[in-house]
Amino acid sequence: MSDNKYEMIFCIINAGFSETVMDAAREAGARGGTVIRARGTAGKEAEELFKITVHPDKEVVMILVPADIKDAVMTAVYSASGMNAEGQGIAFSLPVNKTVGLQ
C-alpha cells in the first residue's frame, strides 16, 4: 500500500455506462464520483489490435477513494464495465498527494 491516504480512480468507458460504473463503485465502498463527457481518438489500429469496435463517445468517471479500498473498487468497476462488458472500459489509478476540503 502507498503512503498516500487517497487514490484517484479513472474509468474511461463508452458513453452511457457511467451509472454502471458508479453502482459497482458504491457497492465496493466508494461514496461518489465525477463524470466528464469525452471523445476517444482510437482508430482502426486499436479496433484490429483489441478485436473490438471503438465508439468515439466516451465518459470519464473519476472516483476519489481511500487508498485501502482502491483495489476493491477497481476490481468492481472493471468487472461491471471492463473490456469484456458492454461499456468496454479501462480503469487506472493515480496516488493523490494532497487534498483539501475532505473530512
C-alpha atoms as a PDB file:
ATOM      1  CA  MET A   1       0.000   0.000   0.000  1.00  0.00           C
ATOM      2  CA  SER A   2       1.209   3.508  -0.743  1.00  0.00           C
ATOM      3  CA  ASP A   3       1.832   6.243   1.821  1.00  0.00           C
ATOM      4  CA  ASN A   4      -0.952   8.279   0.258  1.00  0.00           C
ATOM      5  CA  LYS A   5      -4.264   8.422   2.065  1.00  0.00           C
ATOM      6  CA  TYR A   6      -6.311   8.644  -1.156  1.00  0.00           C
ATOM      7  CA  GLU A   7      -6.203   7.319  -4.707  1.00  0.00           C
ATOM      8  CA  MET A   8      -7.979   8.689  -7.780  1.00  0.00           C
ATOM      9  CA  ILE A   9      -9.528   6.031  -9.976  1.00  0.00           C
ATOM     10  CA  PHE A  10     -10.193   6.935 -13.591  1.00  0.00           C
ATOM     11  CA  CYS A  11     -12.577   4.835 -15.679  1.00  0.00           C
ATOM     12  CA  ILE A  12     -12.835   5.553 -19.404  1.00  0.00           C
ATOM     13  CA  ILE A  13     -15.947   3.904 -20.799  1.00  0.00           C
ATOM     14  CA  ASN A  14     -18.353   4.084 -23.705  1.00  0.00           C
ATOM     15  CA  ALA A  15     -20.927   6.861 -23.260  1.00  0.00           C
ATOM     16  CA  GLY A  16     -23.978   5.813 -21.275  1.00  0.00           C
ATOM     17  CA  PHE A  17     -22.257   3.478 -18.806  1.00  0.00           C
ATOM     18  CA  SER A  18     -21.257   5.872 -16.018  1.00  0.00           C
ATOM     19  CA  GLU A  19     -24.133   4.717 -13.780  1.00  0.00           C
ATOM     20  CA  THR A  20     -22.981   1.111 -14.199  1.00  0.00           C
ATOM     21  CA  VAL A  21     -19.515   2.160 -13.047  1.00  0.00           C
ATOM     22  CA  MET A  22     -20.827   4.187 -10.118  1.00  0.00           C
ATOM     23  CA  ASP A  23     -23.208   1.436  -8.962  1.00  0.00           C
ATOM     24  CA  ALA A  24     -20.307  -1.025  -8.865  1.00  0.00           C
ATOM     25  CA  ALA A  25     -18.009   1.504  -7.171  1.00  0.00           C
ATOM     26  CA  ARG A  26     -20.577   2.272  -4.465  1.00  0.00           C
ATOM     27  CA  GLU A  27     -21.079  -1.434  -3.764  1.00  0.00           C
ATOM     28  CA  ALA A  28     -17.306  -1.661  -3.170  1.00  0.00           C
ATOM     29  CA  GLY A  29     -17.297   1.298  -0.760  1.00  0.00           C
ATOM     30  CA  ALA A  30     -16.899   4.443  -2.890  1.00  0.00           C
ATOM     31  CA  ARG A  31     -19.089   7.385  -1.972  1.00  0.00           C
ATOM     32  CA  GLY A  32     -19.404   9.194  -5.306  1.00  0.00           C
ATOM     33  CA  GLY A  33     -17.654  10.319  -8.425  1.00  0.00           C
ATOM     34  CA  THR A  34     -17.492  12.871 -11.201  1.00  0.00           C
ATOM     35  CA  VAL A  35     -18.410  12.172 -14.822  1.00  0.00           C
ATOM     36  CA  ILE A  36     -16.804  14.037 -17.716  1.00  0.00           C
ATOM     37  CA  ARG A  37     -18.013  13.590 -21.272  1.00  0.00           C
ATOM     38  CA  ALA A  38     -15.175  12.866 -23.693  1.00  0.00           C
ATOM     39  CA  ARG A  39     -14.354  11.762 -27.202  1.00  0.00           C
ATOM     40  CA  GLY A  40     -11.898   8.972 -27.934  1.00  0.00           C
ATOM     41  CA  THR A  41      -9.287   9.164 -30.677  1.00  0.00           C
ATOM     42  CA  ALA A  42      -8.516   5.469 -31.217  1.00  0.00           C
ATOM     43  CA  GLY A  43      -8.579   4.414 -34.840  1.00  0.00           C
ATOM     44  CA  LYS A  44      -8.788   1.233 -36.865  1.00  0.00           C
ATOM     45  CA  GLU A  45      -5.457   0.053 -35.461  1.00  0.00           C
ATOM     46  CA  ALA A  46      -6.927  -0.190 -31.953  1.00  0.00           C
ATOM     47  CA  GLU A  47     -10.007  -1.995 -33.258  1.00  0.00           C
ATOM     48  CA  GLU A  48      -7.829  -4.560 -35.001  1.00  0.00           C
ATOM     49  CA  LEU A  49      -5.408  -4.959 -32.083  1.00  0.00           C
ATOM     50  CA  PHE A  50      -8.071  -5.419 -29.386  1.00  0.00           C
ATOM     51  CA  LYS A  51     -10.705  -7.051 -31.636  1.00  0.00           C
ATOM     52  CA  ILE A  52     -13.352  -4.528 -30.547  1.00  0.00           C
ATOM     53  CA  THR A  53     -15.463  -1.807 -32.097  1.00  0.00           C
ATOM     54  CA  VAL A  54     -14.330   1.569 -30.821  1.00  0.00           C
ATOM     55  CA  HIS A  55     -17.128   4.016 -30.050  1.00  0.00           C
ATOM     56  CA  PRO A  56     -15.800   7.587 -30.095  1.00  0.00           C
ATOM     57  CA  ASP A  57     -18.226   8.964 -27.478  1.00  0.00           C
ATOM     58  CA  LYS A  58     -16.786   8.294 -24.026  1.00  0.00           C
ATOM     59  CA  GLU A  59     -17.327   9.151 -20.395  1.00  0.00           C
ATOM     60  CA  VAL A  60     -14.525   9.522 -17.867  1.00  0.00           C
ATOM     61  CA  VAL A  61     -15.573   8.673 -14.336  1.00  0.00           C
ATOM     62  CA  MET A  62     -13.248   9.997 -11.624  1.00  0.00           C
ATOM     63  CA  ILE A  63     -13.628   8.420  -8.202  1.00  0.00           C
ATOM     64  CA  LEU A  64     -11.586   9.573  -5.195  1.00  0.00           C
ATOM     65  CA  VAL A  65     -11.311   6.741  -2.672  1.00  0.00           C
ATOM     66  CA  PRO A  66      -9.349   5.923   0.450  1.00  0.00           C
ATOM     67  CA  ALA A  67      -6.224   4.052  -0.605  1.00  0.00           C
ATOM     68  CA  ASP A  68      -7.213   0.947   1.370  1.00  0.00           C
ATOM     69  CA  ILE A  69     -10.323   0.288  -0.798  1.00  0.00           C
ATOM     70  CA  LYS A  70      -8.799   1.193  -4.183  1.00  0.00           C
ATOM     71  CA  ASP A  71      -8.199  -2.391  -5.291  1.00  0.00           C
ATOM     72  CA  ALA A  72     -11.742  -3.479  -4.373  1.00  0.00           C
ATOM     73  CA  VAL A  73     -13.284  -0.530  -6.219  1.00  0.00           C
ATOM     74  CA  MET A  74     -11.123  -1.053  -9.309  1.00  0.00           C
ATOM     75  CA  THR A  75     -11.981  -4.747  -9.406  1.00  0.00           C
ATOM     76  CA  ALA A  76     -15.691  -3.975  -9.060  1.00  0.00           C
ATOM     77  CA  VAL A  77     -15.812  -1.332 -11.781  1.00  0.00           C
ATOM     78  CA  TYR A  78     -13.740  -3.402 -14.175  1.00  0.00           C
ATOM     79  CA  SER A  79     -15.964  -6.448 -13.619  1.00  0.00           C
ATOM     80  CA  ALA A  80     -19.037  -4.316 -14.364  1.00  0.00           C
ATOM     81  CA  SER A  81     -17.730  -2.343 -17.324  1.00  0.00           C
ATOM     82  CA  GLY A  82     -14.381  -3.704 -18.494  1.00  0.00           C
ATOM     83  CA  MET A  83     -13.225  -4.626 -21.972  1.00  0.00           C
ATOM     84  CA  ASN A  84     -15.390  -7.762 -21.982  1.00  0.00           C
ATOM     85  CA  ALA A  85     -18.516  -5.841 -20.920  1.00  0.00           C
ATOM     86  CA  GLU A  86     -20.752  -3.559 -22.965  1.00  0.00           C
ATOM     87  CA  GLY A  87     -19.070  -0.454 -21.560  1.00  0.00           C
ATOM     88  CA  GLN A  88     -15.707  -1.650 -22.925  1.00  0.00           C
ATOM     89  CA  GLY A  89     -13.863   0.385 -20.337  1.00  0.00           C
ATOM     90  CA  ILE A  90     -10.421   0.694 -18.904  1.00  0.00           C
ATOM     91  CA  ALA A  91      -9.540   1.755 -15.389  1.00  0.00           C
ATOM     92  CA  PHE A  92      -6.393   3.052 -13.769  1.00  0.00           C
ATOM     93  CA  SER A  93      -5.495   4.825 -10.556  1.00  0.00           C
ATOM     94  CA  LEU A  94      -3.098   7.536  -9.503  1.00  0.00           C
ATOM     95  CA  PRO A  95      -1.920   8.395  -5.995  1.00  0.00           C
ATOM     96  CA  VAL A  96      -3.234  11.653  -4.556  1.00  0.00           C
ATOM     97  CA  ASN A  97      -0.549  13.574  -2.707  1.00  0.00           C
ATOM     98  CA  LYS A  98      -2.684  16.234  -1.098  1.00  0.00           C
ATOM     99  CA  THR A  99      -6.364  17.028  -0.622  1.00  0.00           C
ATOM    100  CA  VAL A 100      -8.331  19.931   0.828  1.00  0.00           C
ATOM    101  CA  GLY A 101     -11.982  20.069   1.754  1.00  0.00           C
ATOM    102  CA  LEU A 102     -12.275  16.411   2.775  1.00  0.00           C
ATOM    103  CA  GLN A 103     -13.308  15.306   6.227  1.00  0.00           C
END
